[in-house]
Amino acid sequence: MIQYDSKSWLASLFTLRGLYLRRIFWSLLFIVALTTLICLLDFTFNVIDIRLPLSEHSLMGVVLGLLLVF
């Protein structure tokens, strides 16, 4: 159990003690950098042209809704 001071909750919000964030920090940083690079390339050069019909979004909404219910 992590002990913290309830009067300084803002300081304990940003501590990395006992969290899994310390274990996955470098992987998470790599994914964020890769995603940022892909987005910048897409906005600058318009390389990726992905078009999805609206029916796929509706289908995913129904599937996620059923998943949340069960």
Protein backbone atom coordinates (compact mmCIF):
# COMPACT_ATOMS: atom_id res chain seq x y z
CA MET A 1 0.00 0.00 0.00
CA ILE A 2 1.28 3.43 -0.93
CA GLN A 3 1.35 5.91 1.93
CA TYR A 4 0.82 9.55 1.08
CA ASP A 5 0.00 12.80 2.77
CA SER A 6 -3.65 13.65 2.17
CA LYS A 7 -3.01 17.38 2.54
CA SER A 8 -0.55 17.51 -0.35
CA TRP A 9 -2.43 15.43 -2.88
CA LEU A 10 -1.07 17.39 -5.84
CA ALA A 11 2.52 16.38 -5.01
CA SER A 12 1.55 12.74 -4.64
CA LEU A 13 -0.28 12.85 -7.98
CA PHE A 14 2.98 13.32 -9.88
CA THR A 15 5.21 10.91 -7.97
CA LEU A 16 6.45 7.84 -9.79
CA ARG A 17 6.96 5.81 -6.64
CA GLY A 18 5.30 2.42 -6.88
CA LEU A 19 3.66 3.01 -10.25
CA TYR A 20 3.90 0.96 -13.40
CA LEU A 21 4.69 4.15 -15.29
CA ARG A 22 8.30 3.78 -14.25
CA ARG A 23 8.45 0.36 -15.95
CA ILE A 24 6.84 1.40 -19.22
CA PHE A 25 8.20 4.96 -19.45
CA TRP A 26 10.67 4.37 -22.31
CA SER A 27 8.22 2.29 -24.33
CA LEU A 28 5.54 4.91 -23.84
CA LEU A 29 7.94 7.69 -24.84
CA PHE A 30 8.86 5.78 -28.01
CA ILE A 31 5.20 5.29 -28.98
CA VAL A 32 4.43 8.97 -28.36
CA ALA A 33 7.43 10.06 -30.47
CA LEU A 34 6.53 7.66 -33.29
CA THR A 35 2.90 8.79 -33.30
CA THR A 36 3.93 12.45 -33.29
CA LEU A 37 6.29 11.85 -36.22
CA ILE A 38 3.58 10.07 -38.22
CA CYS A 39 1.06 12.85 -37.53
CA LEU A 40 3.53 15.58 -38.49
CA LEU A 41 4.38 13.77 -41.73
CA ASP A 42 0.71 13.37 -42.53
CA PHE A 43 -0.13 17.02 -41.85
CA THR A 44 2.90 18.28 -43.75
CA PHE A 45 3.01 16.02 -46.80
CA ASN A 46 -0.47 14.42 -46.73
CA VAL A 47 1.12 10.99 -47.14
CA ILE A 48 -1.55 8.84 -45.51
CA ASP A 49 -4.98 8.89 -47.11
CA ILE A 50 -7.30 6.83 -44.96
CA ARG A 51 -11.00 7.08 -45.65
CA LEU A 52 -13.44 5.06 -43.61
CA PRO A 53 -17.14 4.90 -44.37
CA LEU A 54 -19.52 5.91 -41.59
CA SER A 55 -20.97 2.42 -41.38
CA GLU A 56 -17.74 1.12 -39.86
CA HIS A 57 -17.89 3.73 -37.09
CA SER A 58 -21.48 2.78 -36.34
CA LEU A 59 -20.59 -0.90 -36.27
CA MET A 60 -17.72 -0.27 -33.86
CA GLY A 61 -20.03 1.76 -31.64
CA VAL A 62 -22.48 -1.13 -31.43
CA VAL A 63 -19.71 -3.63 -30.69
CA LEU A 64 -18.20 -1.43 -27.95
CA GLY A 65 -21.65 -0.84 -26.47
CA LEU A 66 -22.32 -4.56 -26.25
CA LEU A 67 -18.90 -5.14 -24.77
CA LEU A 68 -19.56 -2.56 -22.06
CA VAL A 69 -22.94 -4.10 -21.25
CA PHE A 70 -21.60 -7.60 -20.80
